[in-house]
Amino acid sequence: MLPRHDEPIVAVATAPGRGAVGIVRLSGRGLEALHAPLLGRRLAPRHAHYGPFRAADGSALDHGLALWFPAPHSYTGEDVLELQAHGGPVLLQLLLQRCLEAAAEPDPQSGRPRLPGLRLARPGEFTERAFLNGKLDLAQAEAVADLIDASTEAAARSAARSLAGAFSQAVGALHEALVQLRLLVEATLDFPEEEIDVLRQADAAGQLERLQAQLAEVLARTRQGALLREGLHVVIAGQPNAGKSSLLNALAQAEVAIVTPIAGTTRDVVQQAIQIEGVPLHVIDTAGLRDGAEVDEVERLGIERAWQRIAQADAVLFVHDLTRAHEPAYAQADATIRARLPEKVPVIEVWNKADAAGVEPGEDADGGVRLSARSGAGLQALRQRLLRLAGWDGATAEGLYSARQRHVEALRRVQAHLQAAERLLHGPAPALELLAEELRLAQEALGTLTGAFGADELLGAIFARFCIGK
């Protein structure tokens, strides 16, 4: 255990604000010393004890439940004490302060502080200690935060599967297969005269091929899980009065943005979170893109922000007005905007006002969508087009586990090292030393998923995003 985790910690473990119940949680060594000053008695392990939480003068701050979990049978793997009181913010702060005071008070027998070093917990420190003490691996620890932050039912279910170990088991199976292949290659290095025959007899090429296929399946599910957690950022762009705000309202099924016939009504970005088949989408309406003397300073700032959001988007809905598409000036302005859109950002051409133009709603052969934001005709085709763009496969959704972009990138590094290993294995003169090194690097990249390999900076960045008390 790292030295900074030797100190006992305390925090309010429930969300800020008023509630029926609030929890103050403590973790560390020697917490038994606080039973008497806080509760007036010793607690039996894993039993709920009702009674007063005592102030320094012996009066009751509140009455509630106290639970005692001696190490190692606790969430963190250390001694854990939980005090469940009424959920008023002032009361919880008083109880928190009382814990710190009781720890600093001199013990009647020794005269020394009852619990030296008790301090407020950092964000995520309880779960970080659970990881460091082997109660959770890193993927499960991240799933704790994902479960708390889940914005959809599907995301919550996938996070629960990861917390139960589904993702870790998939990574573990990859790790076991990779270790077996490494052992074969490393052992073969001891027999340089027979190395090729040994590798052929042990079917090293077949093992590597099966490992790559297994990795591809895990990577596909991980990409889906990352999408389910993080969602897709979609920017609606186009000329003024093309129906961008109407499209946002139609997708959100609410009057989120103001809609008027006046060009330049939208002058700032308007963002709304929606769901399509459980996949979260962050849809952003932007100011109409245009130039000219009629653009004032406020609208110009809105247009600049629109281009900034477009550059950061996962996808752009480029909205065209079908009733004006035949006008040369309008078509030229659309072409100018299209040429300026970033090449790296996927673009879906949305042809709006299909009802007014007398055009049949639906999807074009080239992936564009004809629709009416006012009537809703063609919206379902757009939703399905967005899901395909995101790579979403609803058929596998029930088996997904929560994942992050960090996991996707780590698995891609593993994939790159295995591809390099394959090239070395099938080369005209296999270089087993280089092959062994690529497999070692693949195993190291795989280990960062569950924390078998990982720098302190990575751990600090992950747990700093947790809420205090977790």
Protein backbone atom coordinates (compact mmCIF):
# COMPACT_ATOMS: atom_id res chain seq x y z
CA MET A 1 0.00 0.00 0.00
CA LEU A 2 1.32 3.45 -0.87
CA PRO A 3 2.31 5.57 2.16
CA ARG A 4 -0.27 8.27 1.54
CA HIS A 5 -3.00 5.67 2.06
CA ASP A 6 -1.90 4.76 5.58
CA GLU A 7 -3.90 7.63 7.11
CA PRO A 8 -7.55 7.07 8.13
CA ILE A 9 -10.06 9.09 6.11
CA VAL A 10 -13.60 10.39 6.55
CA ALA A 11 -16.15 11.98 4.22
CA VAL A 12 -19.85 12.52 3.64
CA ALA A 13 -20.71 9.69 1.25
CA THR A 14 -24.10 10.96 0.07
CA ALA A 15 -24.78 13.65 -2.52
CA PRO A 16 -24.87 17.32 -1.43
CA GLY A 17 -28.26 18.71 -0.49
CA ARG A 18 -31.12 17.72 1.75
CA GLY A 19 -32.36 14.14 1.92
CA ALA A 20 -34.04 11.63 4.16
CA VAL A 21 -30.74 9.87 4.94
CA GLY A 22 -27.13 11.00 4.86
CA ILE A 23 -24.03 8.86 5.39
CA VAL A 24 -20.67 9.72 6.91
CA ARG A 25 -18.09 7.08 6.04
CA LEU A 26 -14.70 6.39 7.66
CA SER A 27 -11.97 4.01 6.50
CA GLY A 28 -8.54 3.11 7.90
CA ARG A 29 -6.79 1.35 10.73
CA GLY A 30 -7.77 1.76 14.38
CA LEU A 31 -11.33 3.01 13.92
CA GLU A 32 -12.44 1.05 17.02
CA ALA A 33 -11.04 3.95 19.05
CA LEU A 34 -13.92 6.14 17.82
CA HIS A 35 -16.75 3.79 18.80
CA ALA A 36 -16.99 4.99 22.40
CA PRO A 37 -16.72 8.78 21.89
CA LEU A 38 -19.07 8.78 18.88
CA LEU A 39 -21.55 6.08 19.89
CA GLY A 40 -21.01 5.35 23.57
CA ARG A 41 -20.44 1.61 23.00
CA ARG A 42 -18.51 -0.92 20.97
CA LEU A 43 -20.14 -2.27 17.82
CA ALA A 44 -20.55 -5.86 16.69
CA PRO A 45 -19.23 -6.46 13.15
CA ARG A 46 -21.73 -6.24 10.29
CA HIS A 47 -24.71 -5.43 12.47
CA ALA A 48 -26.86 -2.29 12.29
CA HIS A 49 -26.87 -0.47 15.65
CA TYR A 50 -29.46 2.22 16.33
CA GLY A 51 -28.66 4.96 18.83
CA PRO A 52 -27.41 8.50 19.35
CA PHE A 53 -24.41 10.09 17.65
CA ARG A 54 -22.77 11.93 20.52
CA ALA A 55 -21.27 15.41 20.65
CA ALA A 56 -18.17 16.16 22.75
CA ASP A 57 -20.33 16.96 25.79
CA GLY A 58 -22.23 13.69 25.48
CA SER A 59 -25.41 15.20 24.05
CA ALA A 60 -27.00 13.68 20.96
CA LEU A 61 -26.29 15.31 17.62
CA ASP A 62 -28.79 12.92 16.00
CA HIS A 63 -30.09 9.38 16.23
CA GLY A 64 -29.38 6.90 13.46
CA LEU A 65 -27.71 3.65 12.41
CA ALA A 66 -24.04 2.75 12.79
CA LEU A 67 -22.41 -0.13 10.87
CA TRP A 68 -18.97 -1.56 11.56
CA PHE A 69 -16.98 -3.56 8.98
CA PRO A 70 -13.60 -4.77 10.27
CA ALA A 71 -10.84 -5.37 7.73
CA PRO A 72 -10.54 -7.10 5.37
CA HIS A 73 -14.27 -7.71 4.92
CA SER A 74 -15.25 -4.22 3.79
CA TYR A 75 -15.57 -2.13 0.64
CA THR A 76 -12.05 -0.71 0.95
CA GLY A 77 -10.43 -3.76 2.53
CA GLU A 78 -9.70 -1.63 5.63
CA ASP A 79 -11.76 -1.06 8.76
CA VAL A 80 -14.88 0.86 7.69
CA LEU A 81 -17.39 2.68 9.91
CA GLU A 82 -20.59 4.11 8.44
CA LEU A 83 -22.88 6.50 10.29
CA GLN A 84 -26.35 6.83 8.76
CA ALA A 85 -28.05 9.99 10.00
CA HIS A 86 -30.79 12.31 8.76
CA GLY A 87 -29.73 13.93 5.51
CA GLY A 88 -29.53 17.60 6.39
CA PRO A 89 -26.34 19.29 5.10
CA VAL A 90 -25.68 21.15 8.36
CA LEU A 91 -26.19 18.02 10.44
CA LEU A 92 -23.85 15.97 8.26
CA GLN A 93 -21.16 18.63 8.51
CA LEU A 94 -21.55 18.63 12.30
CA LEU A 95 -21.20 14.85 12.34
CA LEU A 96 -18.17 15.02 10.04
CA GLN A 97 -16.53 17.63 12.27
CA ARG A 98 -17.33 15.53 15.34
CA CYS A 99 -15.45 12.57 13.83
CA LEU A 100 -12.38 14.74 13.29
CA GLU A 101 -12.63 16.15 16.84
CA ALA A 102 -13.05 12.72 18.42
CA ALA A 103 -9.97 11.45 16.56
CA ALA A 104 -7.88 14.34 17.92
CA GLU A 105 -9.12 14.02 21.53
CA PRO A 106 -6.66 12.40 23.99
CA ASP A 107 -7.31 8.81 24.92
CA PRO A 108 -8.15 8.60 28.68
CA GLN A 109 -5.60 5.82 29.24
CA SER A 110 -2.63 6.75 27.05
CA GLY A 111 -3.13 10.50 26.78
CA ARG A 112 -2.35 10.34 23.06
CA PRO A 113 -4.87 11.23 20.31
CA ARG A 114 -7.43 8.49 19.82
CA LEU A 115 -6.88 8.25 16.04
CA PRO A 116 -3.90 10.30 14.83
CA GLY A 117 -3.97 11.49 11.24
CA LEU A 118 -7.70 11.22 10.49
CA ARG A 119 -8.34 13.53 7.55
CA LEU A 120 -10.93 14.35 4.91
CA ALA A 121 -10.95 11.96 1.98
CA ARG A 122 -9.98 13.02 -1.50
CA PRO A 123 -12.42 12.42 -4.40
CA GLY A 124 -12.53 8.72 -5.18
CA GLU A 125 -10.19 7.75 -2.35
CA PHE A 126 -12.46 5.06 -0.88
CA THR A 127 -12.67 3.26 -4.24
CA GLU A 128 -8.98 3.88 -4.86
CA ARG A 129 -8.20 2.06 -1.61
CA ALA A 130 -10.52 -0.77 -2.66
CA PHE A 131 -8.42 -1.08 -5.83
CA LEU A 132 -5.08 -0.86 -4.02
CA ASN A 133 -6.21 -3.49 -1.50
CA GLY A 134 -7.33 -5.92 -4.19
CA LYS A 135 -11.08 -5.63 -3.58
CA LEU A 136 -11.66 -4.34 -7.14
CA ASP A 137 -9.53 -4.22 -10.26
CA LEU A 138 -9.20 -0.95 -12.16
CA ALA A 139 -11.95 -1.74 -14.69
CA GLN A 140 -14.38 -2.54 -11.86
CA ALA A 141 -13.37 0.62 -9.99
CA GLU A 142 -14.12 2.73 -13.06
CA ALA A 143 -17.46 0.93 -13.39
CA VAL A 144 -18.40 2.27 -9.94
CA ALA A 145 -18.18 5.83 -11.27
CA ASP A 146 -19.93 4.83 -14.50
CA LEU A 147 -22.83 3.33 -12.55
CA ILE A 148 -23.21 6.55 -10.56
CA ASP A 149 -22.99 8.73 -13.69
CA ALA A 150 -25.16 6.54 -15.97
CA SER A 151 -27.60 8.70 -17.93
CA THR A 152 -29.61 5.86 -19.49
CA GLU A 153 -30.98 2.51 -18.33
CA ALA A 154 -28.76 0.69 -20.82
CA ALA A 155 -25.68 2.52 -19.51
CA ALA A 156 -26.58 1.61 -15.93
CA ARG A 157 -27.01 -2.06 -16.83
CA SER A 158 -23.69 -2.19 -18.68
CA ALA A 159 -21.90 -0.51 -15.76
CA ALA A 160 -23.41 -3.06 -13.38
CA ARG A 161 -22.09 -5.87 -15.59
CA SER A 162 -18.61 -4.33 -15.54
CA LEU A 163 -18.76 -3.90 -11.77
CA ALA A 164 -19.69 -7.58 -11.48
CA GLY A 165 -16.54 -8.40 -13.46
CA ALA A 166 -17.78 -9.09 -17.02
CA PHE A 167 -15.24 -6.78 -18.66
CA SER A 168 -12.43 -7.97 -16.38
CA GLN A 169 -13.23 -11.60 -17.24
CA ALA A 170 -13.05 -10.84 -20.97
CA VAL A 171 -9.70 -9.10 -20.48
CA GLY A 172 -8.54 -11.96 -18.26
CA ALA A 173 -9.28 -14.52 -20.99
CA LEU A 174 -7.23 -12.45 -23.45
CA HIS A 175 -4.44 -12.19 -20.91
CA GLU A 176 -4.34 -15.95 -20.32
CA ALA A 177 -4.16 -16.71 -24.05
CA LEU A 178 -1.44 -14.09 -24.53
CA VAL A 179 0.62 -15.46 -21.64
CA GLN A 180 0.46 -18.98 -23.10
CA LEU A 181 1.71 -17.69 -26.45
CA ARG A 182 4.48 -15.70 -24.75
CA LEU A 183 5.58 -18.76 -22.80
CA LEU A 184 5.83 -20.75 -26.02
CA VAL A 185 7.90 -18.10 -27.80
CA GLU A 186 10.15 -17.44 -24.79
CA ALA A 187 10.79 -21.16 -24.34
CA THR A 188 11.60 -21.55 -28.03
CA LEU A 189 14.35 -18.95 -27.71
CA ASP A 190 16.31 -21.51 -25.68
CA PHE A 191 16.44 -23.85 -28.69
CA PRO A 192 17.67 -21.71 -31.59
CA GLU A 193 18.36 -24.65 -33.86
CA GLU A 194 14.82 -25.97 -33.64
CA GLU A 195 12.80 -22.82 -33.06
CA ILE A 196 10.79 -22.85 -36.30
CA ASP A 197 9.83 -26.53 -35.95
CA VAL A 198 8.82 -26.03 -32.33
CA LEU A 199 6.59 -23.08 -33.22
CA ARG A 200 4.97 -25.03 -36.05
CA GLN A 201 4.33 -28.07 -33.88
CA ALA A 202 2.77 -25.92 -31.16
CA ASP A 203 0.66 -24.09 -33.77
CA ALA A 204 1.94 -20.66 -32.71
CA ALA A 205 0.39 -19.11 -35.82
CA GLY A 206 -2.99 -20.63 -35.00
CA GLN A 207 -2.77 -19.45 -31.38
CA LEU A 208 -1.97 -15.93 -32.53
CA GLU A 209 -4.81 -15.96 -35.05
CA ARG A 210 -7.34 -17.11 -32.45
CA LEU A 211 -6.05 -14.50 -30.00
CA GLN A 212 -6.53 -11.76 -32.60
CA ALA A 213 -10.07 -12.92 -33.33
CA GLN A 214 -10.85 -12.96 -29.60
CA LEU A 215 -9.38 -9.48 -29.25
CA ALA A 216 -11.43 -8.15 -32.18
CA GLU A 217 -14.64 -9.32 -30.49
CA VAL A 218 -13.70 -7.70 -27.16
CA LEU A 219 -12.66 -4.49 -28.94
CA ALA A 220 -15.99 -4.30 -30.78
CA ARG A 221 -17.91 -4.67 -27.53
CA THR A 222 -15.64 -2.14 -25.84
CA ARG A 223 -16.28 0.44 -28.55
CA GLN A 224 -20.00 -0.11 -28.09
CA GLY A 225 -19.66 0.21 -24.33
CA ALA A 226 -17.70 3.45 -24.65
CA LEU A 227 -20.39 4.84 -26.94
CA LEU A 228 -23.10 3.83 -24.47
CA ARG A 229 -21.26 5.63 -21.66
CA GLU A 230 -19.98 8.75 -23.41
CA GLY A 231 -22.56 9.24 -26.14
CA LEU A 232 -22.17 10.99 -29.47
CA HIS A 233 -21.76 14.76 -29.84
CA VAL A 234 -23.78 15.83 -32.87
CA VAL A 235 -23.78 19.40 -34.21
CA ILE A 236 -26.62 20.71 -36.37
CA ALA A 237 -25.24 23.16 -38.93
CA GLY A 238 -26.43 24.98 -42.02
CA GLN A 239 -27.63 28.27 -43.39
CA PRO A 240 -30.16 30.44 -41.51
CA ASN A 241 -33.79 29.29 -41.72
CA ALA A 242 -32.87 25.82 -42.96
CA GLY A 243 -34.79 24.37 -40.00
CA LYS A 244 -31.92 23.56 -37.63
CA SER A 245 -33.76 24.61 -34.46
CA SER A 246 -36.90 22.84 -35.64
CA LEU A 247 -34.84 19.69 -36.15
CA LEU A 248 -33.41 19.95 -32.60
CA ASN A 249 -36.93 20.34 -31.20
CA ALA A 250 -38.14 17.37 -33.23
CA LEU A 251 -35.30 15.12 -32.07
CA ALA A 252 -35.72 16.24 -28.45
CA GLN A 253 -39.55 16.07 -28.71
CA ALA A 254 -39.67 19.37 -26.82
CA GLU A 255 -39.54 23.10 -27.54
CA VAL A 256 -35.87 23.46 -26.66
CA ALA A 257 -34.90 26.14 -29.19
CA ILE A 258 -36.79 29.24 -30.34
CA VAL A 259 -38.11 28.95 -33.90
CA THR A 260 -39.07 32.02 -35.97
CA PRO A 261 -39.01 32.94 -39.67
CA ILE A 262 -36.42 35.63 -38.89
CA ALA A 263 -32.93 34.77 -40.12
CA GLY A 264 -30.34 34.70 -37.34
CA THR A 265 -32.77 33.85 -34.51
CA THR A 266 -30.29 31.36 -33.02
CA ARG A 267 -27.22 33.31 -31.94
CA ASP A 268 -25.59 30.91 -29.52
CA VAL A 269 -25.25 27.16 -29.18
CA VAL A 270 -28.22 25.29 -27.71
CA GLN A 271 -27.50 21.80 -26.42
CA GLN A 272 -29.91 19.01 -25.55
CA ALA A 273 -29.25 15.43 -24.46
CA ILE A 274 -31.49 12.81 -26.09
CA GLN A 275 -31.57 9.03 -26.35
CA ILE A 276 -31.91 6.80 -29.38
CA GLU A 277 -32.40 3.14 -28.43
CA GLY A 278 -30.63 3.83 -25.14
CA VAL A 279 -27.63 5.53 -26.77
CA PRO A 280 -27.09 9.05 -25.41
CA LEU A 281 -26.68 11.80 -27.99
CA HIS A 282 -25.65 15.35 -27.19
CA VAL A 283 -27.31 17.36 -29.95
CA ILE A 284 -26.12 20.93 -30.43
CA ASP A 285 -27.99 23.56 -32.43
CA THR A 286 -25.83 26.40 -33.74
CA ALA A 287 -26.21 29.81 -35.33
CA GLY A 288 -26.94 29.88 -39.04
CA LEU A 289 -23.74 30.00 -41.08
CA ARG A 290 -23.62 33.03 -43.36
CA ASP A 291 -21.57 36.09 -44.31
CA GLY A 292 -22.62 39.59 -45.30
CA ALA A 293 -23.33 43.07 -44.08
CA GLU A 294 -26.57 41.98 -42.37
CA VAL A 295 -24.59 39.92 -39.82
CA ASP A 296 -24.14 41.99 -36.64
CA GLU A 297 -21.45 41.51 -34.00
CA VAL A 298 -23.56 39.26 -31.76
CA GLU A 299 -24.49 36.92 -34.59
CA ARG A 300 -20.88 36.87 -35.79
CA LEU A 301 -19.77 35.64 -32.38
CA GLY A 302 -22.46 32.94 -32.56
CA ILE A 303 -21.19 31.84 -35.97
CA GLU A 304 -17.62 31.62 -34.65
CA ARG A 305 -18.84 29.41 -31.80
CA ALA A 306 -20.71 27.27 -34.31
CA TRP A 307 -17.52 26.55 -36.23
CA GLN A 308 -15.71 25.76 -32.98
CA ARG A 309 -18.37 23.20 -32.04
CA ILE A 310 -18.29 21.71 -35.54
CA ALA A 311 -14.53 21.13 -35.22
CA GLN A 312 -15.07 19.25 -31.94
CA ALA A 313 -18.09 17.20 -33.06
CA ASP A 314 -18.37 13.44 -33.53
CA ALA A 315 -20.80 14.07 -36.39
CA VAL A 316 -22.44 16.99 -38.20
CA LEU A 317 -26.02 17.17 -39.45
CA PHE A 318 -25.71 19.54 -42.41
CA VAL A 319 -29.26 20.83 -42.89
CA HIS A 320 -30.45 22.03 -46.32
CA ASP A 321 -33.74 23.75 -47.20
CA LEU A 322 -35.32 21.70 -49.99
CA THR A 323 -37.59 24.59 -50.96
CA ARG A 324 -34.53 26.70 -51.84
CA ALA A 325 -32.07 24.04 -52.97
CA HIS A 326 -32.71 24.92 -56.64
CA GLU A 327 -31.66 28.57 -56.15
CA PRO A 328 -28.10 29.12 -57.47
CA ALA A 329 -27.10 31.54 -54.69
CA TYR A 330 -28.42 29.20 -52.00
CA ALA A 331 -26.73 26.15 -53.54
CA GLN A 332 -23.47 28.07 -53.81
CA ALA A 333 -23.63 29.08 -50.13
CA ASP A 334 -24.27 25.44 -49.17
CA ALA A 335 -21.28 24.37 -51.25
CA THR A 336 -19.08 26.96 -49.53
CA ILE A 337 -20.11 25.68 -46.10
CA ARG A 338 -19.62 22.05 -47.17
CA ALA A 339 -16.11 22.78 -48.38
CA ARG A 340 -15.20 24.30 -45.01
CA LEU A 341 -16.48 21.40 -42.88
CA PRO A 342 -13.57 19.41 -41.34
CA GLU A 343 -12.67 16.30 -43.31
CA LYS A 344 -12.24 14.21 -40.18
CA VAL A 345 -15.83 14.85 -38.97
CA PRO A 346 -18.51 12.61 -40.55
CA VAL A 347 -21.32 14.59 -42.19
CA ILE A 348 -24.93 13.52 -42.72
CA GLU A 349 -26.72 15.59 -45.36
CA VAL A 350 -30.22 16.39 -44.02
CA TRP A 351 -32.70 17.70 -46.60
CA ASN A 352 -35.39 19.45 -44.58
CA LYS A 353 -38.90 20.71 -45.50
CA ALA A 354 -39.65 17.64 -47.60
CA ASP A 355 -43.38 18.22 -47.08
CA ALA A 356 -43.25 21.77 -48.46
CA ALA A 357 -41.09 20.69 -51.41
CA GLY A 358 -43.32 17.71 -52.22
CA VAL A 359 -40.45 15.24 -51.77
CA GLU A 360 -40.83 11.75 -50.31
CA PRO A 361 -39.16 11.47 -46.87
CA GLY A 362 -36.54 8.77 -46.35
CA GLU A 363 -32.88 7.93 -46.75
CA ASP A 364 -30.92 8.58 -49.94
CA ALA A 365 -28.64 6.01 -51.51
CA ASP A 366 -25.62 8.12 -50.50
CA GLY A 367 -26.61 8.22 -46.82
CA GLY A 368 -28.41 11.57 -46.81
CA VAL A 369 -31.88 11.88 -45.27
CA ARG A 370 -34.96 13.70 -46.55
CA LEU A 371 -37.37 14.73 -43.80
CA SER A 372 -39.78 17.26 -42.40
CA ALA A 373 -38.76 18.60 -38.99
CA ARG A 374 -42.23 20.15 -38.67
CA SER A 375 -44.28 16.98 -39.26
CA GLY A 376 -41.69 14.45 -38.10
CA ALA A 377 -41.76 12.49 -41.36
CA GLY A 378 -38.35 10.94 -42.02
CA LEU A 379 -37.06 11.46 -38.45
CA GLN A 380 -36.82 7.73 -37.78
CA ALA A 381 -34.60 7.31 -40.84
CA LEU A 382 -32.30 10.01 -39.42
CA ARG A 383 -32.20 8.30 -36.01
CA GLN A 384 -31.19 5.00 -37.60
CA ARG A 385 -28.60 6.77 -39.76
CA LEU A 386 -27.05 8.28 -36.62
CA LEU A 387 -26.91 4.89 -34.92
CA ARG A 388 -25.18 3.34 -37.93
CA LEU A 389 -22.71 6.21 -38.02
CA ALA A 390 -21.91 5.58 -34.37
CA GLY A 391 -21.38 1.87 -35.07
CA TRP A 392 -24.17 0.89 -32.69
CA ASP A 393 -25.45 -2.67 -32.83
CA GLY A 394 -28.62 -3.01 -30.79
CA ALA A 395 -28.54 -6.80 -31.10
CA THR A 396 -25.52 -7.01 -28.78
CA ALA A 397 -26.62 -4.30 -26.34
CA GLU A 398 -27.73 -6.70 -23.61
CA GLY A 399 -24.26 -8.24 -23.40
CA LEU A 400 -22.32 -4.98 -23.27
CA TYR A 401 -20.15 -3.83 -20.42
CA SER A 402 -19.29 -0.29 -19.50
CA ALA A 403 -16.10 0.96 -21.12
CA ARG A 404 -14.22 4.18 -21.71
CA GLN A 405 -12.18 5.64 -24.53
CA ARG A 406 -9.09 4.75 -22.46
CA HIS A 407 -10.05 1.09 -22.74
CA VAL A 408 -10.59 1.34 -26.50
CA GLU A 409 -7.18 2.94 -27.00
CA ALA A 410 -5.45 0.31 -24.83
CA LEU A 411 -7.05 -2.53 -26.81
CA ARG A 412 -6.03 -0.87 -30.07
CA ARG A 413 -2.44 -0.81 -28.81
CA VAL A 414 -2.73 -4.51 -28.04
CA GLN A 415 -4.09 -5.08 -31.53
CA ALA A 416 -1.22 -3.15 -33.13
CA HIS A 417 1.39 -5.18 -31.24
CA LEU A 418 -0.29 -8.47 -32.20
CA GLN A 419 -0.39 -7.42 -35.85
CA ALA A 420 3.33 -6.62 -35.66
CA ALA A 421 3.90 -10.04 -34.04
CA GLU A 422 2.00 -11.70 -36.88
CA ARG A 423 4.18 -10.00 -39.49
CA LEU A 424 7.31 -11.11 -37.67
CA LEU A 425 6.05 -14.68 -37.33
CA HIS A 426 5.20 -15.01 -41.02
CA GLY A 427 8.26 -13.14 -42.29
CA PRO A 428 10.90 -14.83 -44.44
CA ALA A 429 13.24 -15.09 -41.44
CA PRO A 430 11.25 -14.97 -38.18
CA ALA A 431 13.00 -12.86 -35.54
CA LEU A 432 11.90 -14.49 -32.32
CA GLU A 433 13.48 -11.86 -30.08
CA LEU A 434 11.41 -9.14 -31.75
CA LEU A 435 8.33 -11.39 -31.74
CA ALA A 436 8.73 -11.97 -28.00
CA GLU A 437 9.07 -8.22 -27.41
CA GLU A 438 5.88 -7.41 -29.34
CA LEU A 439 3.98 -9.97 -27.28
CA ARG A 440 5.41 -8.50 -24.07
CA LEU A 441 4.30 -5.01 -25.09
CA ALA A 442 0.85 -6.37 -25.95
CA GLN A 443 0.58 -7.92 -22.49
CA GLU A 444 1.71 -4.67 -20.86
CA ALA A 445 -0.93 -2.66 -22.78
CA LEU A 446 -3.57 -5.22 -21.79
CA GLY A 447 -2.55 -4.92 -18.15
CA THR A 448 -3.38 -1.20 -18.07
CA LEU A 449 -7.06 -2.09 -18.42
CA THR A 450 -7.34 -3.79 -15.06
CA GLY A 451 -4.42 -2.08 -13.32
CA ALA A 452 -1.85 -4.88 -13.55
CA PHE A 453 0.35 -2.25 -15.18
CA GLY A 454 -0.29 1.44 -14.66
CA ALA A 455 1.47 4.63 -13.62
CA ASP A 456 0.49 6.60 -10.53
CA GLU A 457 -0.44 9.50 -12.85
CA LEU A 458 -3.04 7.32 -14.58
CA LEU A 459 -4.54 6.18 -11.28
CA GLY A 460 -4.67 9.74 -9.99
CA ALA A 461 -6.46 10.96 -13.12
CA ILE A 462 -9.04 8.17 -12.93
CA PHE A 463 -9.96 8.47 -9.25
CA ALA A 464 -9.91 12.28 -9.21
CA ARG A 465 -13.11 12.20 -11.31
CA PHE A 466 -15.02 10.32 -8.59
CA CYS A 467 -17.28 12.10 -6.14
CA ILE A 468 -16.05 12.69 -2.59
CA GLY A 469 -17.16 9.88 -0.28
CA LYS A 470 -16.79 7.23 -2.99
